[in-house]
């Protein structure tokens, strides 16, 4: 499905309300003045709500679904409907807000 491209300024959170940020961006492509993110970038999660429980909190996330037709540097770009899995919980990430100008498939 088509979706808006994910960029550095996008609001991404784990299922337990932890803030997720990319470890690497693609500086060659920008939307809304900010670099986009590709599937190769993992995300670091901070402030996961699972702290203090017997389950360990989300620490990182890796993207498993990305664009099928839009690549940057030979790597699929991330879209608003992309899917990721957090480690060690196995839950996903929520993309809450991103730019609304450039779409990809």
Protein backbone atom coordinates (compact mmCIF):
# COMPACT_ATOMS: atom_id res chain seq x y z
CA UNK A 1 0.00 0.00 0.00
CA UNK A 2 1.20 3.55 -0.62
CA UNK A 3 2.28 5.56 2.39
CA UNK A 4 4.14 8.70 3.33
CA UNK A 5 7.94 8.43 3.61
CA UNK A 6 9.35 8.23 7.12
CA UNK A 7 11.85 10.95 8.07
CA UNK A 8 13.99 11.74 11.11
CA UNK A 9 11.34 14.04 12.62
CA UNK A 10 8.62 11.38 12.55
CA UNK A 11 7.03 10.38 15.85
CA UNK A 12 7.63 6.64 16.33
CA UNK A 13 6.90 4.78 19.57
CA UNK A 14 6.99 1.21 20.81
CA UNK A 15 3.72 -0.44 21.86
CA UNK A 16 4.50 0.53 25.46
CA UNK A 17 4.89 4.28 24.75
CA UNK A 18 8.69 4.33 24.48
CA UNK A 19 10.15 6.91 22.06
CA UNK A 20 11.97 5.33 19.08
CA UNK A 21 14.68 7.08 17.03
CA UNK A 22 16.69 5.86 14.03
CA UNK A 23 20.35 5.00 14.50
CA UNK A 24 21.22 5.94 10.89
CA UNK A 25 19.54 8.20 8.33
CA UNK A 26 19.92 8.71 4.60
CA UNK A 27 21.35 12.23 4.17
CA UNK A 28 21.05 12.17 0.37
CA UNK A 29 17.24 12.28 0.35
CA UNK A 30 15.26 14.80 2.38
CA UNK A 31 11.55 15.43 2.87
CA UNK A 32 10.29 18.48 4.75
CA UNK A 33 13.97 19.42 5.12
CA UNK A 34 14.84 16.27 7.09
CA UNK A 35 16.66 13.08 6.02
CA UNK A 36 14.58 9.99 5.30
CA UNK A 37 15.09 6.58 6.90
CA UNK A 38 15.66 3.29 5.08
CA UNK A 39 14.94 -0.31 6.07
CA UNK A 40 18.62 -0.85 6.91
CA UNK A 41 18.39 1.51 9.91
CA UNK A 42 17.56 0.02 13.27
CA UNK A 43 15.75 2.11 15.86
CA UNK A 44 16.74 2.67 19.50
CA UNK A 45 13.87 2.73 22.00
CA UNK A 46 13.98 4.88 25.16
CA UNK A 47 11.41 5.08 27.93
CA UNK A 48 9.58 1.82 27.25
CA UNK A 49 6.70 1.37 29.69
CA UNK A 50 7.71 -2.21 30.54
CA UNK A 51 10.36 -1.05 33.02
CA UNK A 52 9.79 -2.36 36.53
CA UNK A 53 7.99 -5.47 35.32
CA UNK A 54 9.39 -8.99 34.98
CA UNK A 55 9.50 -8.47 31.21
CA UNK A 56 12.52 -6.56 29.86
CA UNK A 57 11.72 -3.24 28.13
CA UNK A 58 11.99 -2.65 24.39
CA UNK A 59 15.56 -1.69 23.52
CA UNK A 60 15.88 -1.76 19.71
CA UNK A 61 13.68 -2.40 16.70
CA UNK A 62 14.38 -3.70 13.21
CA UNK A 63 12.13 -3.04 10.22
CA UNK A 64 10.73 -6.09 8.45
CA UNK A 65 8.33 -4.43 5.96
CA UNK A 66 9.27 -1.36 3.88
CA UNK A 67 8.59 0.13 0.44
CA UNK A 68 8.53 -2.29 -2.47
CA UNK A 69 9.16 0.16 -5.30
CA UNK A 70 10.99 3.13 -3.78
CA UNK A 71 14.67 2.68 -2.96
CA UNK A 72 17.39 5.03 -1.80
CA UNK A 73 20.96 3.86 -2.26
CA UNK A 74 19.56 0.46 -3.26
CA UNK A 75 17.72 0.03 0.07
CA UNK A 76 13.91 0.23 0.50
CA UNK A 77 12.72 3.40 2.22
CA UNK A 78 10.44 3.27 5.24
CA UNK A 79 6.81 4.27 4.83
CA UNK A 80 4.05 5.18 7.26
CA UNK A 81 2.70 1.62 7.01
CA UNK A 82 6.10 -0.11 7.45
CA UNK A 83 6.36 -2.72 10.21
CA UNK A 84 9.09 -3.39 12.75
CA UNK A 85 9.80 -5.86 15.55
CA UNK A 86 11.23 -4.72 18.89
CA UNK A 87 13.91 -6.65 20.74
CA UNK A 88 13.56 -8.36 23.22
CA UNK A 89 9.75 -8.04 23.52
CA UNK A 90 8.78 -9.05 19.96
CA UNK A 91 6.15 -6.30 19.75
CA UNK A 92 5.97 -3.66 17.03
CA UNK A 93 6.47 0.07 16.58
CA UNK A 94 3.70 2.63 16.05
CA UNK A 95 4.31 5.38 13.51
CA UNK A 96 2.15 8.17 14.89
CA UNK A 97 3.18 11.21 12.85
CA UNK A 98 5.26 11.79 9.73
CA UNK A 99 5.53 14.31 6.91
CA UNK A 100 2.54 14.52 4.57
CA UNK A 101 4.10 15.50 1.22
CA UNK A 102 6.01 12.59 -0.34
CA UNK A 103 4.47 9.14 -0.82
CA UNK A 104 5.96 5.85 -1.89
CA UNK A 105 4.84 2.29 -2.64
